[in-house]
Amino acid sequence: MTVVAPTCDFCSRPGAVVFFAVTEYRLRFPTHDWYSGDRFYACPSCRTYVDASDWAGLIRYADLDPLGAQVVAGFRDHHAPGAVSFTPGTNPEASR
């Protein structure tokens, strides 16, 4: 069975290598509510921005629109420090 690495929740590129635990939160937009999950996956590039707390850099790198920037702000305010690494080719969701 082939396991595909999760997609990065910031830039939407394949190849996430870590996740960050998040206290779940909700954002209210004019047309809908958006609910986070309890973890955000990150690729190596986006992880670098998160580890450095470079939120503006992360938003630029991921080419996020204003709604995406609000998701990053919510993540900033609700994530637990420290990334949880997983081995490429494994499924980090399997233990849930």
C-alpha atoms as a PDB file:
ATOM      1  CA  MET A   1       0.000   0.000   0.000  1.00  0.00           C
ATOM      2  CA  THR A   2       1.361   3.409  -0.979  1.00  0.00           C
ATOM      3  CA  VAL A   3       1.087   6.157   1.619  1.00  0.00           C
ATOM      4  CA  VAL A   4       0.960   9.704   0.310  1.00  0.00           C
ATOM      5  CA  ALA A   5       2.431  12.416   2.514  1.00  0.00           C
ATOM      6  CA  PRO A   6      -0.125  14.917   3.747  1.00  0.00           C
ATOM      7  CA  THR A   7      -0.418  18.233   1.958  1.00  0.00           C
ATOM      8  CA  CYS A   8       0.911  21.341   3.679  1.00  0.00           C
ATOM      9  CA  ASP A   9      -1.972  23.234   5.282  1.00  0.00           C
ATOM     10  CA  PHE A  10      -0.248  26.557   4.600  1.00  0.00           C
ATOM     11  CA  CYS A  11       1.016  26.465   1.008  1.00  0.00           C
ATOM     12  CA  SER A  12      -1.035  23.452  -0.206  1.00  0.00           C
ATOM     13  CA  ARG A  13       2.035  21.757  -1.647  1.00  0.00           C
ATOM     14  CA  PRO A  14       2.514  18.016  -1.168  1.00  0.00           C
ATOM     15  CA  GLY A  15       5.183  16.747   1.163  1.00  0.00           C
ATOM     16  CA  ALA A  16       4.315  17.814   4.696  1.00  0.00           C
ATOM     17  CA  VAL A  17       6.882  16.453   7.148  1.00  0.00           C
ATOM     18  CA  VAL A  18       5.598  17.737  10.500  1.00  0.00           C
ATOM     19  CA  PHE A  19       2.404  18.778  12.174  1.00  0.00           C
ATOM     20  CA  PHE A  20       1.649  21.303  14.885  1.00  0.00           C
ATOM     21  CA  ALA A  21      -1.004  20.612  17.520  1.00  0.00           C
ATOM     22  CA  VAL A  22      -3.718  23.271  17.613  1.00  0.00           C
ATOM     23  CA  THR A  23      -6.467  24.116  20.046  1.00  0.00           C
ATOM     24  CA  GLU A  24      -9.402  24.048  17.660  1.00  0.00           C
ATOM     25  CA  TYR A  25     -10.842  27.421  16.725  1.00  0.00           C
ATOM     26  CA  ARG A  26     -13.476  28.985  14.497  1.00  0.00           C
ATOM     27  CA  LEU A  27     -13.277  31.948  12.141  1.00  0.00           C
ATOM     28  CA  ARG A  28     -16.419  33.731  11.050  1.00  0.00           C
ATOM     29  CA  PHE A  29     -16.474  35.027   7.491  1.00  0.00           C
ATOM     30  CA  PRO A  30     -19.346  36.894   5.810  1.00  0.00           C
ATOM     31  CA  THR A  31     -20.427  33.826   3.837  1.00  0.00           C
ATOM     32  CA  HIS A  32     -19.437  30.955   6.141  1.00  0.00           C
ATOM     33  CA  ASP A  33     -17.746  29.826   9.322  1.00  0.00           C
ATOM     34  CA  TRP A  34     -14.398  28.052   9.036  1.00  0.00           C
ATOM     35  CA  TYR A  35     -13.306  25.498  11.643  1.00  0.00           C
ATOM     36  CA  SER A  36      -9.737  24.425  12.212  1.00  0.00           C
ATOM     37  CA  GLY A  37      -8.825  20.880  12.963  1.00  0.00           C
ATOM     38  CA  ASP A  38      -6.626  19.927  15.884  1.00  0.00           C
ATOM     39  CA  ARG A  39      -3.404  19.910  13.852  1.00  0.00           C
ATOM     40  CA  PHE A  40      -1.846  21.773  10.956  1.00  0.00           C
ATOM     41  CA  TYR A  41       0.566  20.005   8.610  1.00  0.00           C
ATOM     42  CA  ALA A  42       3.622  21.830   7.296  1.00  0.00           C
ATOM     43  CA  CYS A  43       6.163  21.245   4.555  1.00  0.00           C
ATOM     44  CA  PRO A  44       9.848  21.953   5.293  1.00  0.00           C
ATOM     45  CA  SER A  45       9.637  25.512   3.913  1.00  0.00           C
ATOM     46  CA  CYS A  46       6.523  26.503   5.858  1.00  0.00           C
ATOM     47  CA  ARG A  47       7.874  24.859   8.991  1.00  0.00           C
ATOM     48  CA  THR A  48      10.867  27.191   8.813  1.00  0.00           C
ATOM     49  CA  TYR A  49       8.543  30.214   8.855  1.00  0.00           C
ATOM     50  CA  VAL A  50       6.467  28.810  11.729  1.00  0.00           C
ATOM     51  CA  ASP A  51       9.549  27.927  13.791  1.00  0.00           C
ATOM     52  CA  ALA A  52      10.809  31.497  13.300  1.00  0.00           C
ATOM     53  CA  SER A  53       7.378  33.000  14.080  1.00  0.00           C
ATOM     54  CA  ASP A  54       7.701  34.804  10.729  1.00  0.00           C
ATOM     55  CA  TRP A  55       3.989  35.056  10.047  1.00  0.00           C
ATOM     56  CA  ALA A  56       4.280  37.717   7.337  1.00  0.00           C
ATOM     57  CA  GLY A  57       6.926  35.604   5.590  1.00  0.00           C
ATOM     58  CA  LEU A  58       4.705  32.525   5.796  1.00  0.00           C
ATOM     59  CA  ILE A  59       1.774  34.422   4.296  1.00  0.00           C
ATOM     60  CA  ARG A  60       3.974  35.717   1.448  1.00  0.00           C
ATOM     61  CA  TYR A  61       5.602  32.338   0.775  1.00  0.00           C
ATOM     62  CA  ALA A  62       2.264  30.512   0.743  1.00  0.00           C
ATOM     63  CA  ASP A  63       0.753  33.297  -1.390  1.00  0.00           C
ATOM     64  CA  LEU A  64      -2.285  33.537   0.874  1.00  0.00           C
ATOM     65  CA  ASP A  65      -5.197  35.892   0.342  1.00  0.00           C
ATOM     66  CA  PRO A  66      -6.680  37.919   3.234  1.00  0.00           C
ATOM     67  CA  LEU A  67      -8.836  34.974   4.369  1.00  0.00           C
ATOM     68  CA  GLY A  68      -5.784  32.714   4.396  1.00  0.00           C
ATOM     69  CA  ALA A  69      -3.929  35.350   6.410  1.00  0.00           C
ATOM     70  CA  GLN A  70      -6.711  35.165   9.016  1.00  0.00           C
ATOM     71  CA  VAL A  71      -6.292  31.391   9.182  1.00  0.00           C
ATOM     72  CA  VAL A  72      -2.559  31.909   9.835  1.00  0.00           C
ATOM     73  CA  ALA A  73      -3.370  34.471  12.559  1.00  0.00           C
ATOM     74  CA  GLY A  74      -5.688  31.936  14.181  1.00  0.00           C
ATOM     75  CA  PHE A  75      -2.990  29.285  13.951  1.00  0.00           C
ATOM     76  CA  ARG A  76      -0.466  31.705  15.491  1.00  0.00           C
ATOM     77  CA  ASP A  77      -2.782  32.251  18.448  1.00  0.00           C
ATOM     78  CA  HIS A  78      -3.843  28.624  18.951  1.00  0.00           C
ATOM     79  CA  HIS A  79      -0.905  26.326  18.144  1.00  0.00           C
ATOM     80  CA  ALA A  80       1.254  24.542  20.657  1.00  0.00           C
ATOM     81  CA  PRO A  81       4.982  25.221  20.298  1.00  0.00           C
ATOM     82  CA  GLY A  82       7.045  22.467  18.739  1.00  0.00           C
ATOM     83  CA  ALA A  83       6.521  20.416  15.644  1.00  0.00           C
ATOM     84  CA  VAL A  84       5.744  16.713  15.667  1.00  0.00           C
ATOM     85  CA  SER A  85       7.843  14.996  13.008  1.00  0.00           C
ATOM     86  CA  PHE A  86       6.826  11.861  11.203  1.00  0.00           C
ATOM     87  CA  THR A  87       8.683   9.531   8.895  1.00  0.00           C
ATOM     88  CA  PRO A  88       8.085  10.071   5.173  1.00  0.00           C
ATOM     89  CA  GLY A  89       6.003   7.246   3.799  1.00  0.00           C
ATOM     90  CA  THR A  90       4.059   6.833   7.029  1.00  0.00           C
ATOM     91  CA  ASN A  91       0.540   7.972   7.780  1.00  0.00           C
ATOM     92  CA  PRO A  92       0.470  10.284  10.833  1.00  0.00           C
ATOM     93  CA  GLU A  93      -3.320   9.982  10.907  1.00  0.00           C
ATOM     94  CA  ALA A  94      -3.184   6.203  11.445  1.00  0.00           C
ATOM     95  CA  SER A  95      -2.854   6.506  15.228  1.00  0.00           C
ATOM     96  CA  ARG A  96      -5.963   8.658  15.632  1.00  0.00           C
END
